[in-house]
Amino acid sequence: MKEFDVIRTYFTNRGASRKDVVLRAGDDAAVVKVAAGNQVVITTDMLCENVHFFSSTPARAIGHRAVAANLSDLAAMGATPAWISMALSIPSVDEEWLKEFSDGVFEVAEYYNVEVVGGDTTQGPLTITICAKGLVPDDTYLTRCGAKPGDWIYVTGSLGDAGVAIESINGKVEIEPKHKNYLMNRFEYPTPRVAAGEAIRGIASSAIDVSDGITSDLQHILTRSKVSAEIDVEKLPMSKALLETVGAEEALRYALSYGDDYELLFTVPEDKKGGLDISLSQFGLTATCIGQIKGGDSKLQLTRGGTPFIFNHSGFEHFSQK
């Protein structure tokens, strides 16, 4: 198989077919139509072997994660996903791997009514780059820079699950069989919180997805918004599987510093807390309030039981380690 055989066999005429796609894959570029009153939100994310996933990670999971990570960025902006384009670098043509990988890509894309409108393939180290585009009603997109003192800090889902799965793969943690599938799926098949992003649009003052760890990701909001924050670590949402695998104290480390959970972290003004509860309930969703935005400049204070909680670990950052 050569390049265009790969494209035709695994990535053409599959998945959702949106009415707003005017010209599909097959030309030098795709053409899409944007309805009046909407703006386009665009994100690009790259996944590299042995950085974002392991060599042992199933191909279907790699495809799933690649799309889910990008849709999570759109969710953090309050956008409804619409289209993706993908660049795929592979060492060689492995038809079984490509089938599983493309199945992972399209199962997520179809679920969220996202059309794959184009991309590129090349021979090289295993790397997946996806550019995802979503839609928001004019001037309703969420950003990292709107948090104000007094706003409450919320997070969806649970934290730390993907981290303990990573440590299990690295041989540092042993997961009981009853929790194995749940925790591994949280890492290999993450769920982008698209519905939550739509639910908090017009309510949240700022938002970000948890990809590098909650302390690291919250710091981005604090820096961009020029505020500080206090988090009560006893309020962090953690799964029974995580707690029973590593214990309560160690679970805090995972919840605070590990990424790859792809939950949404967002802030809400006091006068919109009631609206948040109503909006989330309409989508069948919940979120946990874990702290509050304070005045000051970009300082994060952790507490437990009203006293300072000392924590010296940081979230993931590329180029931070040799």
C-alpha atoms as a PDB file:
ATOM      1  CA  MET A   1       0.000   0.000   0.000  1.00  0.00           C
ATOM      2  CA  LYS A   2       1.162   3.487  -0.867  1.00  0.00           C
ATOM      3  CA  GLU A   3       0.083   6.844   0.588  1.00  0.00           C
ATOM      4  CA  PHE A   4      -3.109   7.402  -1.389  1.00  0.00           C
ATOM      5  CA  ASP A   5      -4.130   3.760  -1.031  1.00  0.00           C
ATOM      6  CA  VAL A   6      -3.943   4.229   2.761  1.00  0.00           C
ATOM      7  CA  ILE A   7      -6.048   7.398   2.582  1.00  0.00           C
ATOM      8  CA  ARG A   8      -8.706   5.849   0.313  1.00  0.00           C
ATOM      9  CA  THR A   9      -8.912   2.601   2.285  1.00  0.00           C
ATOM     10  CA  TYR A  10      -8.945   3.860   5.867  1.00  0.00           C
ATOM     11  CA  PHE A  11      -9.858   7.545   5.921  1.00  0.00           C
ATOM     12  CA  THR A  12     -12.177   8.332   2.987  1.00  0.00           C
ATOM     13  CA  ASN A  13     -15.979   8.097   2.902  1.00  0.00           C
ATOM     14  CA  ARG A  14     -16.266   7.096   6.546  1.00  0.00           C
ATOM     15  CA  GLY A  15     -18.009   8.581   9.544  1.00  0.00           C
ATOM     16  CA  ALA A  16     -20.413  11.484   9.832  1.00  0.00           C
ATOM     17  CA  SER A  17     -21.562  13.367   6.726  1.00  0.00           C
ATOM     18  CA  ARG A  18     -22.439  16.896   7.765  1.00  0.00           C
ATOM     19  CA  LYS A  19     -24.630  19.150   5.623  1.00  0.00           C
ATOM     20  CA  ASP A  20     -22.295  22.089   6.254  1.00  0.00           C
ATOM     21  CA  VAL A  21     -19.414  20.369   4.437  1.00  0.00           C
ATOM     22  CA  VAL A  22     -19.441  21.734   0.889  1.00  0.00           C
ATOM     23  CA  LEU A  23     -16.349  19.941  -0.439  1.00  0.00           C
ATOM     24  CA  ARG A  24     -15.030  16.813   1.227  1.00  0.00           C
ATOM     25  CA  ALA A  25     -11.631  15.123   1.264  1.00  0.00           C
ATOM     26  CA  GLY A  26     -10.086  14.495  -2.146  1.00  0.00           C
ATOM     27  CA  ASP A  27      -9.008  17.964  -3.237  1.00  0.00           C
ATOM     28  CA  ASP A  28      -6.209  20.194  -1.997  1.00  0.00           C
ATOM     29  CA  ALA A  29      -8.469  21.465   0.780  1.00  0.00           C
ATOM     30  CA  ALA A  30     -11.966  21.012   2.167  1.00  0.00           C
ATOM     31  CA  VAL A  31     -14.706  23.648   2.053  1.00  0.00           C
ATOM     32  CA  VAL A  32     -17.224  24.125   4.863  1.00  0.00           C
ATOM     33  CA  LYS A  33     -20.112  26.522   5.384  1.00  0.00           C
ATOM     34  CA  VAL A  34     -20.658  28.372   8.678  1.00  0.00           C
ATOM     35  CA  ALA A  35     -24.220  29.335   9.589  1.00  0.00           C
ATOM     36  CA  ALA A  36     -24.901  33.001  10.290  1.00  0.00           C
ATOM     37  CA  GLY A  37     -24.492  33.986  13.921  1.00  0.00           C
ATOM     38  CA  ASN A  38     -21.739  31.467  14.609  1.00  0.00           C
ATOM     39  CA  GLN A  39     -17.988  31.684  15.074  1.00  0.00           C
ATOM     40  CA  VAL A  40     -15.413  28.960  14.418  1.00  0.00           C
ATOM     41  CA  VAL A  41     -13.181  27.716  17.263  1.00  0.00           C
ATOM     42  CA  ILE A  42      -9.971  26.000  16.076  1.00  0.00           C
ATOM     43  CA  THR A  43      -7.488  23.863  18.012  1.00  0.00           C
ATOM     44  CA  THR A  44      -4.509  21.725  17.019  1.00  0.00           C
ATOM     45  CA  ASP A  45      -2.990  18.968  19.117  1.00  0.00           C
ATOM     46  CA  MET A  46      -0.154  16.519  18.468  1.00  0.00           C
ATOM     47  CA  LEU A  47       0.290  13.038  19.949  1.00  0.00           C
ATOM     48  CA  CYS A  48       3.700  11.369  19.810  1.00  0.00           C
ATOM     49  CA  GLU A  49       4.615   7.776  20.604  1.00  0.00           C
ATOM     50  CA  ASN A  50       6.242   7.346  24.031  1.00  0.00           C
ATOM     51  CA  VAL A  51       5.238  10.884  24.986  1.00  0.00           C
ATOM     52  CA  HIS A  52       1.431  10.888  24.855  1.00  0.00           C
ATOM     53  CA  PHE A  53       0.904   7.143  24.540  1.00  0.00           C
ATOM     54  CA  PHE A  54       2.943   3.975  24.950  1.00  0.00           C
ATOM     55  CA  SER A  55       4.234   1.682  22.233  1.00  0.00           C
ATOM     56  CA  SER A  56       1.999  -0.973  23.775  1.00  0.00           C
ATOM     57  CA  THR A  57      -1.141   1.196  23.567  1.00  0.00           C
ATOM     58  CA  PRO A  58      -3.743  -0.425  21.267  1.00  0.00           C
ATOM     59  CA  ALA A  59      -4.077   1.291  17.901  1.00  0.00           C
ATOM     60  CA  ARG A  60      -7.814   1.818  18.435  1.00  0.00           C
ATOM     61  CA  ALA A  61      -7.079   3.603  21.708  1.00  0.00           C
ATOM     62  CA  ILE A  62      -4.502   5.841  20.019  1.00  0.00           C
ATOM     63  CA  GLY A  63      -7.052   6.897  17.411  1.00  0.00           C
ATOM     64  CA  HIS A  64      -9.660   7.475  20.098  1.00  0.00           C
ATOM     65  CA  ARG A  65      -7.296   9.535  22.280  1.00  0.00           C
ATOM     66  CA  ALA A  66      -6.109  11.647  19.359  1.00  0.00           C
ATOM     67  CA  VAL A  67      -9.620  12.795  18.538  1.00  0.00           C
ATOM     68  CA  ALA A  68     -10.842  12.990  22.146  1.00  0.00           C
ATOM     69  CA  ALA A  69      -7.940  15.229  23.216  1.00  0.00           C
ATOM     70  CA  ASN A  70      -8.811  17.755  20.529  1.00  0.00           C
ATOM     71  CA  LEU A  71     -12.537  17.658  21.222  1.00  0.00           C
ATOM     72  CA  SER A  72     -11.721  18.253  24.889  1.00  0.00           C
ATOM     73  CA  ASP A  73     -10.013  21.528  23.915  1.00  0.00           C
ATOM     74  CA  LEU A  74     -13.136  22.554  22.002  1.00  0.00           C
ATOM     75  CA  ALA A  75     -15.291  21.628  25.000  1.00  0.00           C
ATOM     76  CA  ALA A  76     -13.185  23.892  27.216  1.00  0.00           C
ATOM     77  CA  MET A  77     -14.038  26.758  24.863  1.00  0.00           C
ATOM     78  CA  GLY A  78     -17.749  25.930  24.971  1.00  0.00           C
ATOM     79  CA  ALA A  79     -17.700  24.892  21.326  1.00  0.00           C
ATOM     80  CA  THR A  80     -19.739  22.214  19.584  1.00  0.00           C
ATOM     81  CA  PRO A  81     -17.347  20.036  17.516  1.00  0.00           C
ATOM     82  CA  ALA A  82     -17.922  20.032  13.769  1.00  0.00           C
ATOM     83  CA  TRP A  83     -14.902  19.044  11.643  1.00  0.00           C
ATOM     84  CA  ILE A  84     -11.405  17.628  12.021  1.00  0.00           C
ATOM     85  CA  SER A  85      -8.433  17.238   9.710  1.00  0.00           C
ATOM     86  CA  MET A  86      -5.607  14.875  10.545  1.00  0.00           C
ATOM     87  CA  ALA A  87      -1.937  14.446   9.697  1.00  0.00           C
ATOM     88  CA  LEU A  88      -0.607  10.948  10.327  1.00  0.00           C
ATOM     89  CA  SER A  89       3.064   9.949  10.346  1.00  0.00           C
ATOM     90  CA  ILE A  90       3.695   6.181  10.440  1.00  0.00           C
ATOM     91  CA  PRO A  91       6.948   4.188  10.133  1.00  0.00           C
ATOM     92  CA  SER A  92       5.419   1.697   7.671  1.00  0.00           C
ATOM     93  CA  VAL A  93       2.065   0.489   6.382  1.00  0.00           C
ATOM     94  CA  ASP A  94       0.642  -2.011   8.860  1.00  0.00           C
ATOM     95  CA  GLU A  95      -2.879  -2.710   7.587  1.00  0.00           C
ATOM     96  CA  GLU A  96      -4.130  -4.299  10.804  1.00  0.00           C
ATOM     97  CA  TRP A  97      -2.853  -1.342  12.853  1.00  0.00           C
ATOM     98  CA  LEU A  98      -4.352   1.175  10.423  1.00  0.00           C
ATOM     99  CA  LYS A  99      -7.740  -0.487  10.536  1.00  0.00           C
ATOM    100  CA  GLU A 100      -7.826  -0.432  14.341  1.00  0.00           C
ATOM    101  CA  PHE A 101      -6.504   3.136  14.468  1.00  0.00           C
ATOM    102  CA  SER A 102      -9.029   4.458  11.961  1.00  0.00           C
ATOM    103  CA  ASP A 103     -11.844   2.635  13.779  1.00  0.00           C
ATOM    104  CA  GLY A 104     -10.828   4.489  16.943  1.00  0.00           C
ATOM    105  CA  VAL A 105     -10.789   7.814  15.113  1.00  0.00           C
ATOM    106  CA  PHE A 106     -14.175   7.384  13.498  1.00  0.00           C
ATOM    107  CA  GLU A 107     -16.015   5.920  16.493  1.00  0.00           C
ATOM    108  CA  VAL A 108     -15.370   9.158  18.413  1.00  0.00           C
ATOM    109  CA  ALA A 109     -15.975  11.385  15.399  1.00  0.00           C
ATOM    110  CA  GLU A 110     -19.303   9.715  14.595  1.00  0.00           C
ATOM    111  CA  TYR A 111     -20.496   9.878  18.206  1.00  0.00           C
ATOM    112  CA  TYR A 112     -20.029  13.651  18.289  1.00  0.00           C
ATOM    113  CA  ASN A 113     -21.220  14.200  14.684  1.00  0.00           C
ATOM    114  CA  VAL A 114     -17.776  15.331  13.589  1.00  0.00           C
ATOM    115  CA  GLU A 115     -16.705  14.892   9.984  1.00  0.00           C
ATOM    116  CA  VAL A 116     -13.114  14.115   9.004  1.00  0.00           C
ATOM    117  CA  VAL A 117     -12.698  16.567   6.112  1.00  0.00           C
ATOM    118  CA  GLY A 118      -9.080  15.924   5.130  1.00  0.00           C
ATOM    119  CA  GLY A 119      -5.474  15.531   6.198  1.00  0.00           C
ATOM    120  CA  ASP A 120      -2.160  14.047   5.175  1.00  0.00           C
ATOM    121  CA  THR A 121      -0.066  10.918   5.625  1.00  0.00           C
ATOM    122  CA  THR A 122       3.694  10.550   5.577  1.00  0.00           C
ATOM    123  CA  GLN A 123       6.357   8.007   6.488  1.00  0.00           C
ATOM    124  CA  GLY A 124       8.173   8.746   9.716  1.00  0.00           C
ATOM    125  CA  PRO A 125       7.991   8.294  13.507  1.00  0.00           C
ATOM    126  CA  LEU A 126       4.496   7.512  14.787  1.00  0.00           C
ATOM    127  CA  THR A 127       2.865  10.916  15.297  1.00  0.00           C
ATOM    128  CA  ILE A 128      -0.737  12.077  15.009  1.00  0.00           C
ATOM    129  CA  THR A 129      -1.639  15.733  14.573  1.00  0.00           C
ATOM    130  CA  ILE A 130      -5.273  16.763  14.522  1.00  0.00           C
ATOM    131  CA  CYS A 131      -6.799  20.146  13.831  1.00  0.00           C
ATOM    132  CA  ALA A 132     -10.344  20.274  15.208  1.00  0.00           C
ATOM    133  CA  LYS A 133     -12.909  22.961  14.482  1.00  0.00           C
ATOM    134  CA  GLY A 134     -16.078  23.703  16.402  1.00  0.00           C
ATOM    135  CA  LEU A 135     -18.883  26.252  16.456  1.00  0.00           C
ATOM    136  CA  VAL A 136     -20.158  28.695  19.059  1.00  0.00           C
ATOM    137  CA  PRO A 137     -22.878  31.329  18.829  1.00  0.00           C
ATOM    138  CA  ASP A 138     -21.254  34.724  18.288  1.00  0.00           C
ATOM    139  CA  ASP A 139     -19.165  35.935  21.233  1.00  0.00           C
ATOM    140  CA  THR A 140     -20.137  33.103  23.609  1.00  0.00           C
ATOM    141  CA  TYR A 141     -16.823  31.202  23.585  1.00  0.00           C
ATOM    142  CA  LEU A 142     -15.107  30.519  26.905  1.00  0.00           C
ATOM    143  CA  THR A 143     -11.517  31.516  27.648  1.00  0.00           C
ATOM    144  CA  ARG A 144      -8.950  31.210  30.445  1.00  0.00           C
ATOM    145  CA  CYS A 145      -8.911  34.909  31.247  1.00  0.00           C
ATOM    146  CA  GLY A 146     -12.338  35.737  32.733  1.00  0.00           C
ATOM    147  CA  ALA A 147     -12.049  34.523  36.336  1.00  0.00           C
ATOM    148  CA  LYS A 148     -12.753  37.139  39.019  1.00  0.00           C
ATOM    149  CA  PRO A 149     -12.286  37.175  42.823  1.00  0.00           C
ATOM    150  CA  GLY A 150     -15.269  35.488  44.441  1.00  0.00           C
ATOM    151  CA  ASP A 151     -15.892  33.068  41.553  1.00  0.00           C
ATOM    152  CA  TRP A 152     -16.230  29.424  42.519  1.00  0.00           C
ATOM    153  CA  ILE A 153     -13.995  26.721  41.013  1.00  0.00           C
ATOM    154  CA  TYR A 154     -15.622  23.570  39.641  1.00  0.00           C
ATOM    155  CA  VAL A 155     -14.421  20.387  37.981  1.00  0.00           C
ATOM    156  CA  THR A 156     -16.339  17.661  36.166  1.00  0.00           C
ATOM    157  CA  GLY A 157     -15.921  13.928  36.738  1.00  0.00           C
ATOM    158  CA  SER A 158     -13.070  12.542  38.829  1.00  0.00           C
ATOM    159  CA  LEU A 159      -9.346  13.255  38.921  1.00  0.00           C
ATOM    160  CA  GLY A 160      -6.250  11.067  38.962  1.00  0.00           C
ATOM    161  CA  ASP A 161      -7.652   7.978  37.254  1.00  0.00           C
ATOM    162  CA  ALA A 162      -5.568   8.276  34.098  1.00  0.00           C
ATOM    163  CA  GLY A 163      -2.466   8.956  36.181  1.00  0.00           C
ATOM    164  CA  VAL A 164      -2.683   5.708  38.099  1.00  0.00           C
ATOM    165  CA  ALA A 165      -3.250   3.850  34.826  1.00  0.00           C
ATOM    166  CA  ILE A 166      -0.037   5.390  33.470  1.00  0.00           C
ATOM    167  CA  GLU A 167       1.877   4.364  36.581  1.00  0.00           C
ATOM    168  CA  SER A 168       0.461   0.863  36.255  1.00  0.00           C
ATOM    169  CA  ILE A 169       1.768   0.598  32.694  1.00  0.00           C
ATOM    170  CA  ASN A 170       5.145   1.808  33.971  1.00  0.00           C
ATOM    171  CA  GLY A 171       5.125  -0.989  36.562  1.00  0.00           C
ATOM    172  CA  LYS A 172       4.957   1.340  39.574  1.00  0.00           C
ATOM    173  CA  VAL A 173       1.402   0.517  40.693  1.00  0.00           C
ATOM    174  CA  GLU A 174      -0.549  -2.724  40.754  1.00  0.00           C
ATOM    175  CA  ILE A 175      -4.251  -2.353  40.014  1.00  0.00           C
ATOM    176  CA  GLU A 176      -6.722  -4.905  41.329  1.00  0.00           C
ATOM    177  CA  PRO A 177      -8.518  -6.805  38.555  1.00  0.00           C
ATOM    178  CA  LYS A 178     -11.903  -5.347  39.547  1.00  0.00           C
ATOM    179  CA  HIS A 179     -10.637  -1.815  38.833  1.00  0.00           C
ATOM    180  CA  LYS A 180      -8.362  -2.587  35.884  1.00  0.00           C
ATOM    181  CA  ASN A 181     -10.786  -1.978  33.009  1.00  0.00           C
ATOM    182  CA  TYR A 182     -12.183   1.227  34.460  1.00  0.00           C
ATOM    183  CA  LEU A 183      -8.818   2.833  35.172  1.00  0.00           C
ATOM    184  CA  MET A 184      -7.168   1.739  31.921  1.00  0.00           C
ATOM    185  CA  ASN A 185     -10.130   3.005  29.903  1.00  0.00           C
ATOM    186  CA  ARG A 186      -9.876   6.377  31.631  1.00  0.00           C
ATOM    187  CA  PHE A 187      -6.401   6.710  30.111  1.00  0.00           C
ATOM    188  CA  GLU A 188      -6.788   4.915  26.790  1.00  0.00           C
ATOM    189  CA  TYR A 189     -10.369   5.934  25.948  1.00  0.00           C
ATOM    190  CA  PRO A 190     -10.977   9.350  27.563  1.00  0.00           C
ATOM    191  CA  THR A 191     -14.335  11.081  27.256  1.00  0.00           C
ATOM    192  CA  PRO A 192     -14.241  14.695  26.053  1.00  0.00           C
ATOM    193  CA  ARG A 193     -16.753  16.681  28.129  1.00  0.00           C
ATOM    194  CA  VAL A 194     -18.477  18.241  25.130  1.00  0.00           C
ATOM    195  CA  ALA A 195     -21.924  18.368  26.739  1.00  0.00           C
ATOM    196  CA  ALA A 196     -20.490  19.999  29.848  1.00  0.00           C
ATOM    197  CA  GLY A 197     -18.772  22.631  27.722  1.00  0.00           C
ATOM    198  CA  GLU A 198     -22.069  23.460  26.061  1.00  0.00           C
ATOM    199  CA  ALA A 199     -23.880  23.483  29.413  1.00  0.00           C
ATOM    200  CA  ILE A 200     -21.519  26.021  31.028  1.00  0.00           C
ATOM    201  CA  ARG A 201     -21.410  28.350  28.019  1.00  0.00           C
ATOM    202  CA  GLY A 202     -22.806  31.697  29.131  1.00  0.00           C
ATOM    203  CA  ILE A 203     -22.405  30.696  32.794  1.00  0.00           C
ATOM    204  CA  ALA A 204     -18.710  30.015  33.388  1.00  0.00           C
ATOM    205  CA  SER A 205     -16.330  32.965  33.598  1.00  0.00           C
ATOM    206  CA  SER A 206     -13.323  30.879  32.525  1.00  0.00           C
ATOM    207  CA  ALA A 207     -12.543  27.284  31.607  1.00  0.00           C
ATOM    208  CA  ILE A 208      -9.772  24.863  30.670  1.00  0.00           C
ATOM    209  CA  ASP A 209      -9.526  21.111  30.222  1.00  0.00           C
ATOM    210  CA  VAL A 210      -7.449  18.988  32.597  1.00  0.00           C
ATOM    211  CA  SER A 211      -4.757  17.582  30.337  1.00  0.00           C
ATOM    212  CA  ASP A 212      -1.574  18.332  32.307  1.00  0.00           C
ATOM    213  CA  GLY A 213      -2.826  18.139  35.914  1.00  0.00           C
ATOM    214  CA  ILE A 214      -5.246  20.304  37.843  1.00  0.00           C
ATOM    215  CA  THR A 215      -2.598  22.390  39.628  1.00  0.00           C
ATOM    216  CA  SER A 216      -0.828  23.094  36.346  1.00  0.00           C
ATOM    217  CA  ASP A 217      -3.989  23.742  34.341  1.00  0.00           C
ATOM    218  CA  LEU A 218      -5.592  25.943  36.998  1.00  0.00           C
ATOM    219  CA  GLN A 219      -2.394  27.983  37.045  1.00  0.00           C
ATOM    220  CA  HIS A 220      -3.032  28.885  33.403  1.00  0.00           C
ATOM    221  CA  ILE A 221      -6.386  30.396  34.402  1.00  0.00           C
ATOM    222  CA  LEU A 222      -4.811  32.264  37.307  1.00  0.00           C
ATOM    223  CA  THR A 223      -2.036  33.668  35.127  1.00  0.00           C
ATOM    224  CA  ARG A 224      -4.318  34.736  32.287  1.00  0.00           C
ATOM    225  CA  SER A 225      -6.979  36.152  34.644  1.00  0.00           C
ATOM    226  CA  LYS A 226      -4.435  37.761  37.019  1.00  0.00           C
ATOM    227  CA  VAL A 227      -6.069  36.286  40.113  1.00  0.00           C
ATOM    228  CA  SER A 228      -5.222  33.764  42.844  1.00  0.00           C
ATOM    229  CA  ALA A 229      -7.148  30.738  44.092  1.00  0.00           C
ATOM    230  CA  GLU A 230      -7.701  28.484  47.075  1.00  0.00           C
ATOM    231  CA  ILE A 231      -8.536  24.805  46.683  1.00  0.00           C
ATOM    232  CA  ASP A 232      -9.700  22.499  49.467  1.00  0.00           C
ATOM    233  CA  VAL A 233      -8.045  19.167  48.662  1.00  0.00           C
ATOM    234  CA  GLU A 234     -10.701  17.312  50.677  1.00  0.00           C
ATOM    235  CA  LYS A 235     -13.239  18.342  48.029  1.00  0.00           C
ATOM    236  CA  LEU A 236     -11.338  16.926  45.052  1.00  0.00           C
ATOM    237  CA  PRO A 237     -13.511  14.320  43.291  1.00  0.00           C
ATOM    238  CA  MET A 238     -11.747  10.961  43.241  1.00  0.00           C
ATOM    239  CA  SER A 239     -13.072   7.595  42.119  1.00  0.00           C
ATOM    240  CA  LYS A 240     -13.460   4.571  44.361  1.00  0.00           C
ATOM    241  CA  ALA A 241     -11.112   2.737  42.003  1.00  0.00           C
ATOM    242  CA  LEU A 242      -8.331   5.282  42.554  1.00  0.00           C
ATOM    243  CA  LEU A 243      -8.799   5.398  46.327  1.00  0.00           C
ATOM    244  CA  GLU A 244      -8.809   1.623  46.685  1.00  0.00           C
ATOM    245  CA  THR A 245      -5.752   1.272  44.441  1.00  0.00           C
ATOM    246  CA  VAL A 246      -3.355   3.751  46.078  1.00  0.00           C
ATOM    247  CA  GLY A 247      -5.030   4.932  49.307  1.00  0.00           C
ATOM    248  CA  ALA A 248      -6.395   8.353  50.232  1.00  0.00           C
ATOM    249  CA  GLU A 249      -3.097  10.205  50.732  1.00  0.00           C
ATOM    250  CA  GLU A 250      -1.448   9.002  47.546  1.00  0.00           C
ATOM    251  CA  ALA A 251      -4.704   9.570  45.646  1.00  0.00           C
ATOM    252  CA  LEU A 252      -4.369  13.289  46.396  1.00  0.00           C
ATOM    253  CA  ARG A 253      -1.046  13.354  44.576  1.00  0.00           C
ATOM    254  CA  TYR A 254      -2.588  11.761  41.514  1.00  0.00           C
ATOM    255  CA  ALA A 255      -5.636  14.039  41.613  1.00  0.00           C
ATOM    256  CA  LEU A 256      -3.549  17.202  41.931  1.00  0.00           C
ATOM    257  CA  SER A 257      -0.656  16.610  39.560  1.00  0.00           C
ATOM    258  CA  TYR A 258      -1.551  14.004  36.934  1.00  0.00           C
ATOM    259  CA  GLY A 259      -3.174  14.938  33.643  1.00  0.00           C
ATOM    260  CA  ASP A 260      -4.864  12.995  30.849  1.00  0.00           C
ATOM    261  CA  ASP A 261      -8.236  12.971  32.642  1.00  0.00           C
ATOM    262  CA  TYR A 262      -9.685  15.480  30.138  1.00  0.00           C
ATOM    263  CA  GLU A 263     -12.203  16.792  32.643  1.00  0.00           C
ATOM    264  CA  LEU A 264     -13.293  20.437  32.524  1.00  0.00           C
ATOM    265  CA  LEU A 265     -12.054  22.886  35.147  1.00  0.00           C
ATOM    266  CA  PHE A 266     -14.042  26.121  35.226  1.00  0.00           C
ATOM    267  CA  THR A 267     -15.035  29.121  37.336  1.00  0.00           C
ATOM    268  CA  VAL A 268     -18.533  30.440  38.022  1.00  0.00           C
ATOM    269  CA  PRO A 269     -19.634  33.762  39.562  1.00  0.00           C
ATOM    270  CA  GLU A 270     -21.700  33.557  42.763  1.00  0.00           C
ATOM    271  CA  ASP A 271     -24.841  34.867  41.055  1.00  0.00           C
ATOM    272  CA  LYS A 272     -24.701  32.135  38.405  1.00  0.00           C
ATOM    273  CA  LYS A 273     -24.338  29.090  40.669  1.00  0.00           C
ATOM    274  CA  GLY A 274     -28.064  28.395  40.530  1.00  0.00           C
ATOM    275  CA  GLY A 275     -28.062  28.649  36.748  1.00  0.00           C
ATOM    276  CA  LEU A 276     -25.148  26.223  36.621  1.00  0.00           C
ATOM    277  CA  ASP A 277     -27.051  23.596  38.601  1.00  0.00           C
ATOM    278  CA  ILE A 278     -30.063  23.944  36.312  1.00  0.00           C
ATOM    279  CA  SER A 279     -28.021  23.814  33.116  1.00  0.00           C
ATOM    280  CA  LEU A 280     -26.001  20.779  34.204  1.00  0.00           C
ATOM    281  CA  SER A 281     -29.132  18.921  35.319  1.00  0.00           C
ATOM    282  CA  GLN A 282     -30.708  19.475  31.906  1.00  0.00           C
ATOM    283  CA  PHE A 283     -27.756  17.610  30.392  1.00  0.00           C
ATOM    284  CA  GLY A 284     -27.760  14.980  33.159  1.00  0.00           C
ATOM    285  CA  LEU A 285     -24.364  16.207  34.367  1.00  0.00           C
ATOM    286  CA  THR A 286     -22.738  17.100  37.674  1.00  0.00           C
ATOM    287  CA  ALA A 287     -19.667  19.084  38.708  1.00  0.00           C
ATOM    288  CA  THR A 288     -17.856  19.447  42.028  1.00  0.00           C
ATOM    289  CA  CYS A 289     -17.032  22.780  43.638  1.00  0.00           C
ATOM    290  CA  ILE A 290     -13.434  22.513  44.892  1.00  0.00           C
ATOM    291  CA  GLY A 291     -12.462  26.077  45.790  1.00  0.00           C
ATOM    292  CA  GLN A 292     -12.719  29.777  45.101  1.00  0.00           C
ATOM    293  CA  ILE A 293     -10.935  32.504  43.171  1.00  0.00           C
ATOM    294  CA  LYS A 294      -9.199  35.102  45.331  1.00  0.00           C
ATOM    295  CA  GLY A 295      -7.577  38.465  44.724  1.00  0.00           C
ATOM    296  CA  GLY A 296      -3.860  38.697  44.156  1.00  0.00           C
ATOM    297  CA  ASP A 297      -1.623  37.646  41.319  1.00  0.00           C
ATOM    298  CA  SER A 298      -1.478  34.022  40.161  1.00  0.00           C
ATOM    299  CA  LYS A 299      -0.943  32.268  43.503  1.00  0.00           C
ATOM    300  CA  LEU A 300      -2.537  28.884  44.182  1.00  0.00           C
ATOM    301  CA  GLN A 301      -3.146  28.007  47.841  1.00  0.00           C
ATOM    302  CA  LEU A 302      -4.023  24.429  48.799  1.00  0.00           C
ATOM    303  CA  THR A 303      -5.788  23.761  52.105  1.00  0.00           C
ATOM    304  CA  ARG A 304      -7.132  20.776  54.009  1.00  0.00           C
ATOM    305  CA  GLY A 305      -9.478  21.227  56.951  1.00  0.00           C
ATOM    306  CA  GLY A 306      -8.831  24.959  56.929  1.00  0.00           C
ATOM    307  CA  THR A 307      -5.031  24.646  57.238  1.00  0.00           C
ATOM    308  CA  PRO A 308      -2.387  24.910  54.480  1.00  0.00           C
ATOM    309  CA  PHE A 309      -1.688  21.714  52.577  1.00  0.00           C
ATOM    310  CA  ILE A 310       1.919  21.404  51.450  1.00  0.00           C
ATOM    311  CA  PHE A 311       2.280  19.919  47.990  1.00  0.00           C
ATOM    312  CA  ASN A 312       5.480  20.145  45.973  1.00  0.00           C
ATOM    313  CA  HIS A 313       4.575  18.209  42.825  1.00  0.00           C
ATOM    314  CA  SER A 314       3.710  19.972  39.590  1.00  0.00           C
ATOM    315  CA  GLY A 315       1.762  18.923  36.534  1.00  0.00           C
ATOM    316  CA  PHE A 316       3.222  17.791  33.231  1.00  0.00           C
ATOM    317  CA  GLU A 317       5.031  20.262  30.991  1.00  0.00           C
ATOM    318  CA  HIS A 318       7.009  19.494  27.836  1.00  0.00           C
ATOM    319  CA  PHE A 319      10.751  20.307  28.000  1.00  0.00           C
ATOM    320  CA  SER A 320      10.594  20.564  31.807  1.00  0.00           C
ATOM    321  CA  GLN A 321      12.758  17.456  32.206  1.00  0.00           C
ATOM    322  CA  LYS A 322      15.913  16.330  30.430  1.00  0.00           C
END
